[in-house]
PDB file of all heavy atoms in Angstrom:
ATOM      1  N   ASP A   1       0.435   0.750   2.124  1.00  0.00           N
ATOM      2  CA  ASP A   1       1.360   0.697   1.013  1.00  0.00           C
ATOM      3  C   ASP A   1       0.576   0.519  -0.300  1.00  0.00           C
ATOM      4  O   ASP A   1       0.524  -0.563  -0.882  1.00  0.00           O
ATOM      5  CB  ASP A   1       2.336  -0.463   1.213  1.00  0.00           C
ATOM      6  CG  ASP A   1       3.693  -0.163   0.579  1.00  0.00           C
ATOM      7  OD1 ASP A   1       3.728   0.285  -0.567  1.00  0.00           O
ATOM      8  OD2 ASP A   1       4.720  -0.381   1.250  1.00  0.00           O
ATOM      9  N   ASP A   2      -0.087   1.581  -0.741  1.00  0.00           N
ATOM     10  CA  ASP A   2      -0.941   1.550  -1.916  1.00  0.00           C
ATOM     11  C   ASP A   2      -0.115   1.346  -3.174  1.00  0.00           C
ATOM     12  O   ASP A   2       0.940   1.963  -3.339  1.00  0.00           O
ATOM     13  CB  ASP A   2      -1.704   2.854  -2.002  1.00  0.00           C
ATOM     14  CG  ASP A   2      -2.891   2.772  -2.929  1.00  0.00           C
ATOM     15  OD1 ASP A   2      -2.766   2.146  -3.995  1.00  0.00           O
ATOM     16  OD2 ASP A   2      -3.949   3.328  -2.593  1.00  0.00           O
ATOM     17  N   CYS A   3      -0.578   0.479  -4.050  1.00  0.00           N
ATOM     18  CA  CYS A   3       0.205   0.181  -5.254  1.00  0.00           C
ATOM     19  C   CYS A   3      -0.037   1.160  -6.391  1.00  0.00           C
ATOM     20  O   CYS A   3       0.590   1.035  -7.445  1.00  0.00           O
ATOM     21  CB  CYS A   3      -0.081  -1.243  -5.733  1.00  0.00           C
ATOM     22  SG  CYS A   3      -1.739  -1.442  -6.401  1.00  0.00           S
ATOM     23  N   THR A   4      -0.923   2.123  -6.217  1.00  0.00           N
ATOM     24  CA  THR A   4      -1.211   3.075  -7.295  1.00  0.00           C
ATOM     25  C   THR A   4      -0.579   4.419  -7.004  1.00  0.00           C
ATOM     26  O   THR A   4      -0.374   4.813  -5.836  1.00  0.00           O
ATOM     27  CB  THR A   4      -2.735   3.268  -7.453  1.00  0.00           C
ATOM     28  OG1 THR A   4      -3.278   3.730  -6.210  1.00  0.00           O
ATOM     29  CG2 THR A   4      -3.421   1.962  -7.822  1.00  0.00           C
ATOM     30  N   GLY A   5      -0.239   5.132  -8.050  1.00  0.00           N
ATOM     31  CA  GLY A   5       0.278   6.484  -7.940  1.00  0.00           C
ATOM     32  C   GLY A   5       1.681   6.576  -7.348  1.00  0.00           C
ATOM     33  O   GLY A   5       2.058   7.628  -6.815  1.00  0.00           O
ATOM     34  N   GLN A   6       2.455   5.525  -7.433  1.00  0.00           N
ATOM     35  CA  GLN A   6       3.793   5.547  -6.799  1.00  0.00           C
ATOM     36  C   GLN A   6       4.774   6.408  -7.595  1.00  0.00           C
ATOM     37  O   GLN A   6       4.829   6.336  -8.806  1.00  0.00           O
ATOM     38  CB  GLN A   6       4.318   4.134  -6.625  1.00  0.00           C
ATOM     39  CG  GLN A   6       3.428   3.267  -5.766  1.00  0.00           C
ATOM     40  CD  GLN A   6       4.150   2.069  -5.171  1.00  0.00           C
ATOM     41  OE1 GLN A   6       5.375   2.030  -5.163  1.00  0.00           O
ATOM     42  NE2 GLN A   6       3.406   1.116  -4.666  1.00  0.00           N
ATOM     43  N   VAL A   7       5.511   7.241  -6.878  1.00  0.00           N
ATOM     44  CA  VAL A   7       6.459   8.152  -7.497  1.00  0.00           C
ATOM     45  C   VAL A   7       7.714   7.416  -7.928  1.00  0.00           C
ATOM     46  O   VAL A   7       8.287   7.691  -8.997  1.00  0.00           O
ATOM     47  CB  VAL A   7       6.789   9.301  -6.525  1.00  0.00           C
ATOM     48  CG1 VAL A   7       7.957  10.156  -7.074  1.00  0.00           C
ATOM     49  CG2 VAL A   7       5.574  10.176  -6.286  1.00  0.00           C
ATOM     50  N   ASP A   8       8.174   6.489  -7.114  1.00  0.00           N
ATOM     51  CA  ASP A   8       9.410   5.741  -7.430  1.00  0.00           C
ATOM     52  C   ASP A   8       9.040   4.398  -8.037  1.00  0.00           C
ATOM     53  O   ASP A   8       8.484   3.521  -7.339  1.00  0.00           O
ATOM     54  CB  ASP A   8      10.238   5.543  -6.168  1.00  0.00           C
ATOM     55  CG  ASP A   8      10.844   6.815  -5.646  1.00  0.00           C
ATOM     56  OD1 ASP A   8      10.925   7.786  -6.444  1.00  0.00           O
ATOM     57  OD2 ASP A   8      11.244   6.883  -4.474  1.00  0.00           O
ATOM     58  N   PRO A   9       9.336   4.161  -9.323  1.00  0.00           N
ATOM     59  CA  PRO A   9       8.964   2.904  -9.977  1.00  0.00           C
ATOM     60  C   PRO A   9       9.481   1.678  -9.264  1.00  0.00           C
ATOM     61  O   PRO A   9       8.824   0.601  -9.333  1.00  0.00           O
ATOM     62  CB  PRO A   9       9.593   3.039 -11.359  1.00  0.00           C
ATOM     63  CG  PRO A   9       9.696   4.526 -11.566  1.00  0.00           C
ATOM     64  CD  PRO A   9      10.002   5.099 -10.227  1.00  0.00           C
ATOM     65  N   ILE A  10      10.603   1.733  -8.582  1.00  0.00           N
ATOM     66  CA  ILE A  10      11.179   0.571  -7.937  1.00  0.00           C
ATOM     67  C   ILE A  10      10.228  -0.051  -6.930  1.00  0.00           C
ATOM     68  O   ILE A  10      10.205  -1.261  -6.698  1.00  0.00           O
ATOM     69  CB  ILE A  10      12.547   0.898  -7.252  1.00  0.00           C
ATOM     70  CG1 ILE A  10      13.196  -0.363  -6.668  1.00  0.00           C
ATOM     71  CG2 ILE A  10      12.391   1.940  -6.174  1.00  0.00           C
ATOM     72  CD1 ILE A  10      13.609  -1.376  -7.690  1.00  0.00           C
ATOM     73  N   SER A  11       9.395   0.767  -6.286  1.00  0.00           N
ATOM     74  CA  SER A  11       8.491   0.248  -5.255  1.00  0.00           C
ATOM     75  C   SER A  11       7.136  -0.159  -5.792  1.00  0.00           C
ATOM     76  O   SER A  11       6.270  -0.578  -5.036  1.00  0.00           O
ATOM     77  CB  SER A  11       8.298   1.322  -4.155  1.00  0.00           C
ATOM     78  OG  SER A  11       7.678   2.466  -4.686  1.00  0.00           O
ATOM     79  N   GLN A  12       6.980  -0.072  -7.124  1.00  0.00           N
ATOM     80  CA  GLN A  12       5.727  -0.458  -7.740  1.00  0.00           C
ATOM     81  C   GLN A  12       5.634  -1.980  -7.843  1.00  0.00           C
ATOM     82  O   GLN A  12       6.484  -2.630  -8.421  1.00  0.00           O
ATOM     83  CB  GLN A  12       5.640   0.141  -9.150  1.00  0.00           C
ATOM     84  CG  GLN A  12       4.370  -0.268  -9.915  1.00  0.00           C
ATOM     85  CD  GLN A  12       3.124   0.315  -9.280  1.00  0.00           C
ATOM     86  OE1 GLN A  12       2.976   1.535  -9.220  1.00  0.00           O
ATOM     87  NE2 GLN A  12       2.234  -0.523  -8.833  1.00  0.00           N
ATOM     88  N   ASP A  13       4.582  -2.532  -7.287  1.00  0.00           N
ATOM     89  CA  ASP A  13       4.370  -3.966  -7.387  1.00  0.00           C
ATOM     90  C   ASP A  13       3.913  -4.315  -8.803  1.00  0.00           C
ATOM     91  O   ASP A  13       3.494  -3.450  -9.567  1.00  0.00           O
ATOM     92  CB  ASP A  13       3.289  -4.427  -6.394  1.00  0.00           C
ATOM     93  CG  ASP A  13       3.884  -4.570  -5.009  1.00  0.00           C
ATOM     94  OD1 ASP A  13       4.166  -3.560  -4.387  1.00  0.00           O
ATOM     95  OD2 ASP A  13       4.101  -5.717  -4.582  1.00  0.00           O
ATOM     96  N   PRO A  14       4.048  -5.584  -9.223  1.00  0.00           N
ATOM     97  CA  PRO A  14       3.679  -5.984 -10.586  1.00  0.00           C
ATOM     98  C   PRO A  14       2.266  -5.527 -10.925  1.00  0.00           C
ATOM     99  O   PRO A  14       1.356  -5.612 -10.127  1.00  0.00           O
ATOM    100  CB  PRO A  14       3.794  -7.499 -10.543  1.00  0.00           C
ATOM    101  CG  PRO A  14       4.789  -7.769  -9.466  1.00  0.00           C
ATOM    102  CD  PRO A  14       4.533  -6.687  -8.430  1.00  0.00           C
ATOM    103  N   GLY A  15       2.106  -5.101 -12.157  1.00  0.00           N
ATOM    104  CA  GLY A  15       0.785  -4.630 -12.589  1.00  0.00           C
ATOM    105  C   GLY A  15       0.776  -3.113 -12.566  1.00  0.00           C
ATOM    106  O   GLY A  15       1.125  -2.456 -13.532  1.00  0.00           O
ATOM    107  N   GLY A  16       0.343  -2.542 -11.487  1.00  0.00           N
ATOM    108  CA  GLY A  16       0.417  -1.106 -11.291  1.00  0.00           C
ATOM    109  C   GLY A  16      -0.631  -0.350 -12.051  1.00  0.00           C
ATOM    110  O   GLY A  16      -1.730  -0.810 -12.267  1.00  0.00           O
ATOM    111  N   GLY A  17      -0.225   0.866 -12.511  1.00  0.00           N
ATOM    112  CA  GLY A  17      -1.204   1.711 -13.208  1.00  0.00           C
ATOM    113  C   GLY A  17      -2.324   2.128 -12.283  1.00  0.00           C
ATOM    114  O   GLY A  17      -2.100   2.476 -11.129  1.00  0.00           O
ATOM    115  N   THR A  18      -3.522   2.085 -12.797  1.00  0.00           N
ATOM    116  CA  THR A  18      -4.687   2.494 -12.004  1.00  0.00           C
ATOM    117  C   THR A  18      -5.505   1.341 -11.525  1.00  0.00           C
ATOM    118  O   THR A  18      -6.592   1.483 -11.005  1.00  0.00           O
ATOM    119  CB  THR A  18      -5.610   3.427 -12.847  1.00  0.00           C
ATOM    120  OG1 THR A  18      -6.007   2.704 -14.012  1.00  0.00           O
ATOM    121  CG2 THR A  18      -4.853   4.688 -13.248  1.00  0.00           C
ATOM    122  N   GLN A  19      -4.994   0.112 -11.701  1.00  0.00           N
ATOM    123  CA  GLN A  19      -5.728  -1.056 -11.262  1.00  0.00           C
ATOM    124  C   GLN A  19      -5.803  -1.078  -9.750  1.00  0.00           C
ATOM    125  O   GLN A  19      -4.914  -0.595  -9.067  1.00  0.00           O
ATOM    126  CB  GLN A  19      -5.030  -2.342 -11.756  1.00  0.00           C
ATOM    127  CG  GLN A  19      -4.933  -2.445 -13.266  1.00  0.00           C
ATOM    128  CD  GLN A  19      -4.220  -3.701 -13.669  1.00  0.00           C
ATOM    129  OE1 GLN A  19      -4.581  -4.778 -13.181  1.00  0.00           O
ATOM    130  NE2 GLN A  19      -3.224  -3.586 -14.533  1.00  0.00           N
ATOM    131  N   PRO A  20      -6.918  -1.615  -9.202  1.00  0.00           N
ATOM    132  CA  PRO A  20      -7.023  -1.661  -7.750  1.00  0.00           C
ATOM    133  C   PRO A  20      -5.931  -2.528  -7.161  1.00  0.00           C
ATOM    134  O   PRO A  20      -5.469  -3.490  -7.756  1.00  0.00           O
ATOM    135  CB  PRO A  20      -8.393  -2.287  -7.525  1.00  0.00           C
ATOM    136  CG  PRO A  20      -8.744  -2.982  -8.785  1.00  0.00           C
ATOM    137  CD  PRO A  20      -8.066  -2.204  -9.893  1.00  0.00           C
ATOM    138  N   CYS A  21      -5.491  -2.146  -5.986  1.00  0.00           N
ATOM    139  CA  CYS A  21      -4.394  -2.852  -5.339  1.00  0.00           C
ATOM    140  C   CYS A  21      -4.685  -4.337  -5.137  1.00  0.00           C
ATOM    141  O   CYS A  21      -3.779  -5.156  -5.128  1.00  0.00           O
ATOM    142  CB  CYS A  21      -4.064  -2.210  -3.994  1.00  0.00           C
ATOM    143  SG  CYS A  21      -3.338  -0.603  -4.164  1.00  0.00           S
ATOM    144  N   VAL A  22      -5.972  -4.656  -4.943  1.00  0.00           N
ATOM    145  CA  VAL A  22      -6.287  -6.061  -4.706  1.00  0.00           C
ATOM    146  C   VAL A  22      -5.882  -6.931  -5.905  1.00  0.00           C
ATOM    147  O   VAL A  22      -5.563  -8.098  -5.726  1.00  0.00           O
ATOM    148  CB  VAL A  22      -7.797  -6.227  -4.399  1.00  0.00           C
ATOM    149  CG1 VAL A  22      -8.645  -5.905  -5.635  1.00  0.00           C
ATOM    150  CG2 VAL A  22      -8.129  -7.644  -3.903  1.00  0.00           C
ATOM    151  N   ALA A  23      -5.833  -6.333  -7.070  1.00  0.00           N
ATOM    152  CA  ALA A  23      -5.407  -7.094  -8.251  1.00  0.00           C
ATOM    153  C   ALA A  23      -3.926  -7.330  -8.290  1.00  0.00           C
ATOM    154  O   ALA A  23      -3.441  -8.170  -9.043  1.00  0.00           O
ATOM    155  CB  ALA A  23      -5.851  -6.363  -9.540  1.00  0.00           C
ATOM    156  N   GLN A  24      -3.171  -6.591  -7.459  1.00  0.00           N
ATOM    157  CA  GLN A  24      -1.735  -6.714  -7.494  1.00  0.00           C
ATOM    158  C   GLN A  24      -1.188  -7.519  -6.322  1.00  0.00           C
ATOM    159  O   GLN A  24       0.023  -7.680  -6.176  1.00  0.00           O
ATOM    160  CB  GLN A  24      -1.085  -5.304  -7.457  1.00  0.00           C
ATOM    161  CG  GLN A  24      -1.696  -4.296  -8.415  1.00  0.00           C
ATOM    162  CD  GLN A  24      -1.803  -4.841  -9.825  1.00  0.00           C
ATOM    163  OE1 GLN A  24      -0.928  -5.582 -10.230  1.00  0.00           O
ATOM    164  NE2 GLN A  24      -2.851  -4.499 -10.514  1.00  0.00           N
ATOM    165  N   GLY A  25      -2.050  -8.010  -5.459  1.00  0.00           N
ATOM    166  CA  GLY A  25      -1.558  -8.710  -4.265  1.00  0.00           C
ATOM    167  C   GLY A  25      -0.940  -7.755  -3.260  1.00  0.00           C
ATOM    168  O   GLY A  25      -0.231  -8.170  -2.352  1.00  0.00           O
ATOM    169  N   ASN A  26      -1.112  -6.452  -3.456  1.00  0.00           N
ATOM    170  CA  ASN A  26      -0.512  -5.474  -2.571  1.00  0.00           C
ATOM    171  C   ASN A  26      -1.629  -4.721  -1.881  1.00  0.00           C
ATOM    172  O   ASN A  26      -1.926  -3.558  -2.202  1.00  0.00           O
ATOM    173  CB  ASN A  26       0.378  -4.512  -3.384  1.00  0.00           C
ATOM    174  CG  ASN A  26       1.008  -3.451  -2.514  1.00  0.00           C
ATOM    175  OD1 ASN A  26       0.984  -3.551  -1.302  1.00  0.00           O
ATOM    176  ND2 ASN A  26       1.566  -2.430  -3.148  1.00  0.00           N
ATOM    177  N   SER A  27      -2.316  -5.368  -1.002  1.00  0.00           N
ATOM    178  CA  SER A  27      -3.425  -4.727  -0.328  1.00  0.00           C
ATOM    179  C   SER A  27      -3.633  -5.372   1.023  1.00  0.00           C
ATOM    180  O   SER A  27      -3.035  -6.393   1.328  1.00  0.00           O
ATOM    181  CB  SER A  27      -4.709  -4.852  -1.151  1.00  0.00           C
ATOM    182  OG  SER A  27      -5.111  -6.191  -1.301  1.00  0.00           O
ATOM    183  N   GLY A  28      -4.514  -4.781   1.794  1.00  0.00           N
ATOM    184  CA  GLY A  28      -4.826  -5.391   3.074  1.00  0.00           C
ATOM    185  C   GLY A  28      -4.395  -4.534   4.243  1.00  0.00           C
ATOM    186  O   GLY A  28      -3.952  -3.390   4.116  1.00  0.00           O
ATOM    187  N   VAL A  29      -4.466  -5.124   5.417  1.00  0.00           N
ATOM    188  CA  VAL A  29      -4.186  -4.435   6.664  1.00  0.00           C
ATOM    189  C   VAL A  29      -2.742  -4.719   7.085  1.00  0.00           C
ATOM    190  O   VAL A  29      -2.371  -5.866   7.302  1.00  0.00           O
ATOM    191  CB  VAL A  29      -5.135  -4.876   7.779  1.00  0.00           C
ATOM    192  CG1 VAL A  29      -4.779  -4.222   9.106  1.00  0.00           C
ATOM    193  CG2 VAL A  29      -6.597  -4.577   7.386  1.00  0.00           C
ATOM    194  N   SER A  30      -1.942  -3.663   7.164  1.00  0.00           N
ATOM    195  CA  SER A  30      -0.597  -3.797   7.716  1.00  0.00           C
ATOM    196  C   SER A  30      -0.674  -3.472   9.207  1.00  0.00           C
ATOM    197  O   SER A  30      -1.728  -3.178   9.740  1.00  0.00           O
ATOM    198  CB  SER A  30       0.371  -2.817   7.022  1.00  0.00           C
ATOM    199  OG  SER A  30       0.089  -1.501   7.411  1.00  0.00           O
ATOM    200  N   MET A  31       0.484  -3.458   9.866  1.00  0.00           N
ATOM    201  CA  MET A  31       0.461  -3.027  11.277  1.00  0.00           C
ATOM    202  C   MET A  31       0.507  -1.525  11.402  1.00  0.00           C
ATOM    203  O   MET A  31       0.426  -0.989  12.487  1.00  0.00           O
ATOM    204  CB  MET A  31       1.627  -3.672  12.049  1.00  0.00           C
ATOM    205  CG  MET A  31       2.955  -3.523  11.412  1.00  0.00           C
ATOM    206  SD  MET A  31       4.126  -2.285  11.884  1.00  0.00           S
ATOM    207  CE  MET A  31       3.685  -1.234  13.016  1.00  0.00           C
ATOM    208  N   GLY A  32       0.628  -0.799  10.256  1.00  0.00           N
ATOM    209  CA  GLY A  32       0.902   0.618  10.275  1.00  0.00           C
ATOM    210  C   GLY A  32      -0.129   1.481  11.015  1.00  0.00           C
ATOM    211  O   GLY A  32       0.221   2.168  11.982  1.00  0.00           O
ATOM    212  N   VAL A  33      -1.367   1.481  10.538  1.00  0.00           N
ATOM    213  CA  VAL A  33      -2.376   2.371  11.151  1.00  0.00           C
ATOM    214  C   VAL A  33      -2.623   1.981  12.596  1.00  0.00           C
ATOM    215  O   VAL A  33      -2.776   2.841  13.484  1.00  0.00           O
ATOM    216  CB  VAL A  33      -3.669   2.384  10.327  1.00  0.00           C
ATOM    217  CG1 VAL A  33      -4.791   3.120  11.072  1.00  0.00           C
ATOM    218  CG2 VAL A  33      -3.423   3.042   8.957  1.00  0.00           C
ATOM    219  N   ALA A  34      -2.714   0.697  12.880  1.00  0.00           N
ATOM    220  CA  ALA A  34      -2.922   0.234  14.264  1.00  0.00           C
ATOM    221  C   ALA A  34      -1.771   0.696  15.160  1.00  0.00           C
ATOM    222  O   ALA A  34      -1.984   1.078  16.295  1.00  0.00           O
ATOM    223  CB  ALA A  34      -3.082  -1.299  14.305  1.00  0.00           C
ATOM    224  N   PHE A  35      -0.557   0.630  14.636  1.00  0.00           N
ATOM    225  CA  PHE A  35       0.592   1.149  15.369  1.00  0.00           C
ATOM    226  C   PHE A  35       0.401   2.642  15.690  1.00  0.00           C
ATOM    227  O   PHE A  35       0.584   3.077  16.836  1.00  0.00           O
ATOM    228  CB  PHE A  35       1.884   0.960  14.556  1.00  0.00           C
ATOM    229  CG  PHE A  35       3.090   1.670  15.109  1.00  0.00           C
ATOM    230  CD1 PHE A  35       3.959   1.052  15.972  1.00  0.00           C
ATOM    231  CD2 PHE A  35       3.349   2.985  14.728  1.00  0.00           C
ATOM    232  CE1 PHE A  35       5.079   1.715  16.475  1.00  0.00           C
ATOM    233  CE2 PHE A  35       4.477   3.673  15.250  1.00  0.00           C
ATOM    234  CZ  PHE A  35       5.314   3.023  16.117  1.00  0.00           C
ATOM    235  N   GLY A  36       0.056   3.419  14.634  1.00  0.00           N
ATOM    236  CA  GLY A  36      -0.111   4.846  14.832  1.00  0.00           C
ATOM    237  C   GLY A  36      -1.169   5.142  15.873  1.00  0.00           C
ATOM    238  O   GLY A  36      -0.990   6.015  16.750  1.00  0.00           O
ATOM    239  N   ASN A  37      -2.318   4.443  15.811  1.00  0.00           N
ATOM    240  CA  ASN A  37      -3.380   4.690  16.776  1.00  0.00           C
ATOM    241  C   ASN A  37      -2.920   4.422  18.214  1.00  0.00           C
ATOM    242  O   ASN A  37      -3.196   5.226  19.114  1.00  0.00           O
ATOM    243  CB  ASN A  37      -4.572   3.774  16.446  1.00  0.00           C
ATOM    244  CG  ASN A  37      -5.300   4.190  15.191  1.00  0.00           C
ATOM    245  OD1 ASN A  37      -5.073   5.256  14.647  1.00  0.00           O
ATOM    246  ND2 ASN A  37      -6.191   3.337  14.697  1.00  0.00           N
ATOM    247  N   ARG A  38      -2.232   3.330  18.426  1.00  0.00           N
ATOM    248  CA  ARG A  38      -1.816   2.980  19.768  1.00  0.00           C
ATOM    249  C   ARG A  38      -0.764   3.958  20.313  1.00  0.00           C
ATOM    250  O   ARG A  38      -0.782   4.322  21.476  1.00  0.00           O
ATOM    251  CB  ARG A  38      -1.271   1.557  19.815  1.00  0.00           C
ATOM    252  CG  ARG A  38      -2.369   0.512  19.883  1.00  0.00           C
ATOM    253  CD  ARG A  38      -1.802  -0.881  20.159  1.00  0.00           C
ATOM    254  NE  ARG A  38      -2.862  -1.790  20.529  1.00  0.00           N
ATOM    255  CZ  ARG A  38      -3.284  -1.988  21.772  1.00  0.00           C
ATOM    256  NH1 ARG A  38      -2.725  -1.324  22.775  1.00  0.00           N
ATOM    257  NH2 ARG A  38      -4.273  -2.820  22.044  1.00  0.00           N
ATOM    258  N   LEU A  39       0.137   4.369  19.426  1.00  0.00           N
ATOM    259  CA  LEU A  39       1.204   5.263  19.898  1.00  0.00           C
ATOM    260  C   LEU A  39       0.655   6.653  20.190  1.00  0.00           C
ATOM    261  O   LEU A  39       1.029   7.288  21.204  1.00  0.00           O
ATOM    262  CB  LEU A  39       2.376   5.331  18.900  1.00  0.00           C
ATOM    263  CG  LEU A  39       3.637   5.930  19.443  1.00  0.00           C
ATOM    264  CD1 LEU A  39       4.146   5.183  20.670  1.00  0.00           C
ATOM    265  CD2 LEU A  39       4.712   6.002  18.388  1.00  0.00           C
ATOM    266  N   VAL A  40      -0.229   7.163  19.347  1.00  0.00           N
ATOM    267  CA  VAL A  40      -0.822   8.457  19.619  1.00  0.00           C
ATOM    268  C   VAL A  40      -1.598   8.414  20.933  1.00  0.00           C
ATOM    269  O   VAL A  40      -1.496   9.325  21.771  1.00  0.00           O
ATOM    270  CB  VAL A  40      -1.750   8.866  18.463  1.00  0.00           C
ATOM    271  CG1 VAL A  40      -2.655  10.040  18.874  1.00  0.00           C
ATOM    272  CG2 VAL A  40      -0.951   9.268  17.236  1.00  0.00           C
ATOM    273  N   ALA A  41      -2.350   7.319  21.137  1.00  0.00           N
ATOM    274  CA  ALA A  41      -3.128   7.180  22.369  1.00  0.00           C
ATOM    275  C   ALA A  41      -2.204   7.095  23.580  1.00  0.00           C
ATOM    276  O   ALA A  41      -2.537   7.570  24.679  1.00  0.00           O
ATOM    277  CB  ALA A  41      -4.036   5.976  22.312  1.00  0.00           C
TER     278      ALA A  41
END
C-alpha cells in the first residue's frame, strides 16, 4: 500500500506527494505478498 502516486486522494495518507512512505507511517510489510506467494505455491 504505497503512499505515493495514488490516483484516489481519499486513500492518500497524511503527507503524500513524492515523500518516501516511511515519512508517512504508511510503509512496511503487510500480509499481502506473503499471502500471494503461499497461494501461488
